[in-house]
Amino acid sequence: MWRKERFMKWVKLSPQQVMWMLWKKNLISRESAHILIGEIMGCNRDLENIKGNIINIKKNEEHH
C-alpha cells in the first residue's frame, strides 16, 4: 500500500483506534498507548481553547 493511502486510512481513525491498532500489532506497549492518548487529548483541549479565544477576539472586534 502506498504511503499516502496508508496515511489517509489512519487519518480517519480516532486517536484511541490508532493506538489500539498499534498495540494490537505489537508496535507499541499498552502503557505507551495510554500516554500518547493522554497527550493527544491534552492537545485537543488546547486547540479547543485556542479556537474559543479566536472566536472571542473576533466578537470583540465586531463590537468596536
N, C-alpha and C. Protein backbone atom coordinates (compact mmCIF):
# COMPACT_ATOMS: atom_id res chain seq x y z
N MET A 1 0.86 -1.18 0.00
CA MET A 1 0.00 0.00 0.00
C MET A 1 0.90 1.24 0.00
N TRP A 2 0.54 2.21 -0.82
CA TRP A 2 1.31 3.44 -0.88
C TRP A 2 1.26 4.17 0.44
N ARG A 3 2.29 4.91 0.72
CA ARG A 3 2.40 5.65 1.98
C ARG A 3 1.22 6.61 2.16
N LYS A 4 0.86 7.35 1.10
CA LYS A 4 -0.26 8.31 1.19
C LYS A 4 -1.57 7.58 1.48
N GLU A 5 -1.81 6.46 0.83
CA GLU A 5 -3.04 5.70 1.05
C GLU A 5 -3.09 5.19 2.49
N ARG A 6 -1.98 4.72 2.99
CA ARG A 6 -1.91 4.24 4.37
C ARG A 6 -2.19 5.39 5.34
N PHE A 7 -1.59 6.55 5.06
CA PHE A 7 -1.80 7.72 5.90
C PHE A 7 -3.27 8.12 5.90
N MET A 8 -3.90 8.14 4.74
CA MET A 8 -5.31 8.55 4.65
C MET A 8 -6.20 7.58 5.41
N LYS A 9 -5.84 6.30 5.44
CA LYS A 9 -6.60 5.32 6.19
C LYS A 9 -6.52 5.61 7.69
N TRP A 10 -5.33 5.93 8.17
CA TRP A 10 -5.13 6.18 9.59
C TRP A 10 -5.72 7.52 10.02
N VAL A 11 -5.74 8.51 9.13
CA VAL A 11 -6.27 9.84 9.47
C VAL A 11 -7.74 9.75 9.87
N LYS A 12 -8.47 8.82 9.29
CA LYS A 12 -9.90 8.69 9.55
C LYS A 12 -10.21 8.06 10.91
N LEU A 13 -9.19 7.53 11.57
CA LEU A 13 -9.39 6.86 12.85
C LEU A 13 -9.25 7.84 14.01
N SER A 14 -9.91 7.53 15.11
CA SER A 14 -9.73 8.32 16.33
C SER A 14 -8.36 7.99 16.92
N PRO A 15 -7.85 8.86 17.79
CA PRO A 15 -6.56 8.54 18.44
C PRO A 15 -6.59 7.20 19.16
N GLN A 16 -7.72 6.89 19.79
CA GLN A 16 -7.83 5.62 20.51
C GLN A 16 -7.76 4.44 19.54
N GLN A 17 -8.38 4.58 18.37
CA GLN A 17 -8.35 3.50 17.38
C GLN A 17 -6.93 3.30 16.85
N VAL A 18 -6.22 4.40 16.62
CA VAL A 18 -4.84 4.29 16.15
C VAL A 18 -3.98 3.57 17.18
N MET A 19 -4.10 3.99 18.44
CA MET A 19 -3.31 3.36 19.49
C MET A 19 -3.65 1.89 19.65
N TRP A 20 -4.94 1.56 19.53
CA TRP A 20 -5.38 0.16 19.62
C TRP A 20 -4.73 -0.67 18.52
N MET A 21 -4.73 -0.14 17.29
CA MET A 21 -4.15 -0.88 16.17
C MET A 21 -2.65 -1.05 16.35
N LEU A 22 -1.96 -0.01 16.83
CA LEU A 22 -0.52 -0.13 17.06
C LEU A 22 -0.23 -1.15 18.15
N TRP A 23 -1.02 -1.10 19.22
CA TRP A 23 -0.83 -2.05 20.33
C TRP A 23 -1.13 -3.48 19.87
N LYS A 24 -2.22 -3.63 19.11
CA LYS A 24 -2.63 -4.95 18.63
C LYS A 24 -1.54 -5.58 17.76
N LYS A 25 -0.84 -4.77 16.98
CA LYS A 25 0.22 -5.28 16.11
C LYS A 25 1.57 -5.32 16.83
N ASN A 26 1.54 -5.12 18.16
CA ASN A 26 2.76 -5.14 18.98
C ASN A 26 3.78 -4.09 18.54
N LEU A 27 3.30 -2.96 18.02
CA LEU A 27 4.19 -1.88 17.64
C LEU A 27 4.35 -0.86 18.77
N ILE A 28 3.50 -0.97 19.78
CA ILE A 28 3.55 -0.04 20.90
C ILE A 28 2.99 -0.75 22.13
N SER A 29 3.54 -0.42 23.29
CA SER A 29 3.04 -1.05 24.52
C SER A 29 1.74 -0.39 24.96
N ARG A 30 0.99 -1.08 25.79
CA ARG A 30 -0.27 -0.54 26.31
C ARG A 30 -0.02 0.75 27.09
N GLU A 31 1.03 0.76 27.89
CA GLU A 31 1.35 1.94 28.69
C GLU A 31 1.68 3.13 27.79
N SER A 32 2.48 2.89 26.76
CA SER A 32 2.83 3.96 25.82
C SER A 32 1.59 4.47 25.10
N ALA A 33 0.70 3.56 24.75
CA ALA A 33 -0.54 3.96 24.07
C ALA A 33 -1.35 4.88 24.97
N HIS A 34 -1.46 4.54 26.25
CA HIS A 34 -2.21 5.38 27.19
C HIS A 34 -1.57 6.76 27.33
N ILE A 35 -0.26 6.79 27.39
CA ILE A 35 0.44 8.08 27.49
C ILE A 35 0.18 8.93 26.25
N LEU A 36 0.29 8.31 25.07
CA LEU A 36 0.06 9.06 23.83
C LEU A 36 -1.38 9.55 23.72
N ILE A 37 -2.33 8.73 24.11
CA ILE A 37 -3.74 9.14 24.08
C ILE A 37 -3.93 10.35 24.99
N GLY A 38 -3.34 10.31 26.18
CA GLY A 38 -3.43 11.45 27.09
C GLY A 38 -2.84 12.71 26.49
N GLU A 39 -1.70 12.58 25.83
CA GLU A 39 -1.07 13.72 25.19
C GLU A 39 -1.94 14.29 24.08
N ILE A 40 -2.51 13.41 23.27
CA ILE A 40 -3.37 13.83 22.17
C ILE A 40 -4.61 14.54 22.72
N MET A 41 -5.19 13.98 23.76
CA MET A 41 -6.38 14.60 24.35
C MET A 41 -6.03 15.98 24.92
N GLY A 42 -4.86 16.12 25.52
CA GLY A 42 -4.42 17.42 26.02
C GLY A 42 -4.25 18.42 24.89
N CYS A 43 -3.68 17.98 23.78
CA CYS A 43 -3.52 18.86 22.62
C CYS A 43 -4.87 19.26 22.05
N ASN A 44 -5.80 18.32 22.00
CA ASN A 44 -7.15 18.65 21.50
C ASN A 44 -7.81 19.68 22.40
N ARG A 45 -7.65 19.55 23.71
CA ARG A 45 -8.21 20.52 24.65
C ARG A 45 -7.60 21.90 24.41
N ASP A 46 -6.29 21.93 24.23
CA ASP A 46 -5.61 23.21 23.97
C ASP A 46 -6.11 23.84 22.68
N LEU A 47 -6.29 23.03 21.64
CA LEU A 47 -6.80 23.56 20.37
C LEU A 47 -8.20 24.12 20.52
N GLU A 48 -9.04 23.45 21.28
CA GLU A 48 -10.40 23.95 21.52
C GLU A 48 -10.36 25.28 22.26
N ASN A 49 -9.46 25.40 23.22
CA ASN A 49 -9.31 26.67 23.94
C ASN A 49 -8.85 27.78 23.01
N ILE A 50 -7.91 27.47 22.12
CA ILE A 50 -7.43 28.45 21.15
C ILE A 50 -8.56 28.88 20.23
N LYS A 51 -9.34 27.92 19.74
CA LYS A 51 -10.49 28.25 18.88
C LYS A 51 -11.46 29.17 19.61
N GLY A 52 -11.73 28.87 20.87
CA GLY A 52 -12.63 29.71 21.67
C GLY A 52 -12.08 31.12 21.82
N ASN A 53 -10.78 31.23 22.05
CA ASN A 53 -10.15 32.55 22.17
C ASN A 53 -10.25 33.33 20.87
N ILE A 54 -10.05 32.67 19.74
CA ILE A 54 -10.16 33.33 18.44
C ILE A 54 -11.58 33.84 18.22
N ILE A 55 -12.56 33.02 18.55
CA ILE A 55 -13.96 33.43 18.41
C ILE A 55 -14.24 34.64 19.29
N ASN A 56 -13.76 34.63 20.52
CA ASN A 56 -13.96 35.76 21.43
C ASN A 56 -13.31 37.03 20.90
N ILE A 57 -12.11 36.92 20.35
CA ILE A 57 -11.42 38.08 19.79
C ILE A 57 -12.20 38.64 18.62
N LYS A 58 -12.69 37.77 17.73
CA LYS A 58 -13.46 38.23 16.58
C LYS A 58 -14.74 38.93 17.02
N LYS A 59 -15.40 38.40 18.05
CA LYS A 59 -16.62 39.03 18.56
C LYS A 59 -16.31 40.41 19.13
N ASN A 60 -15.20 40.52 19.86
CA ASN A 60 -14.81 41.81 20.43
C ASN A 60 -14.47 42.82 19.34
N GLU A 61 -13.84 42.37 18.26
CA GLU A 61 -13.50 43.26 17.15
C GLU A 61 -14.76 43.78 16.46
N GLU A 62 -15.78 42.94 16.36
CA GLU A 62 -17.03 43.34 15.71
C GLU A 62 -17.75 44.41 16.51
N HIS A 63 -17.61 44.39 17.82
CA HIS A 63 -18.32 45.33 18.68
C HIS A 63 -17.59 46.66 18.83
N HIS A 64 -16.36 46.76 18.33
CA HIS A 64 -15.59 48.01 18.47
C HIS A 64 -15.45 48.72 17.20
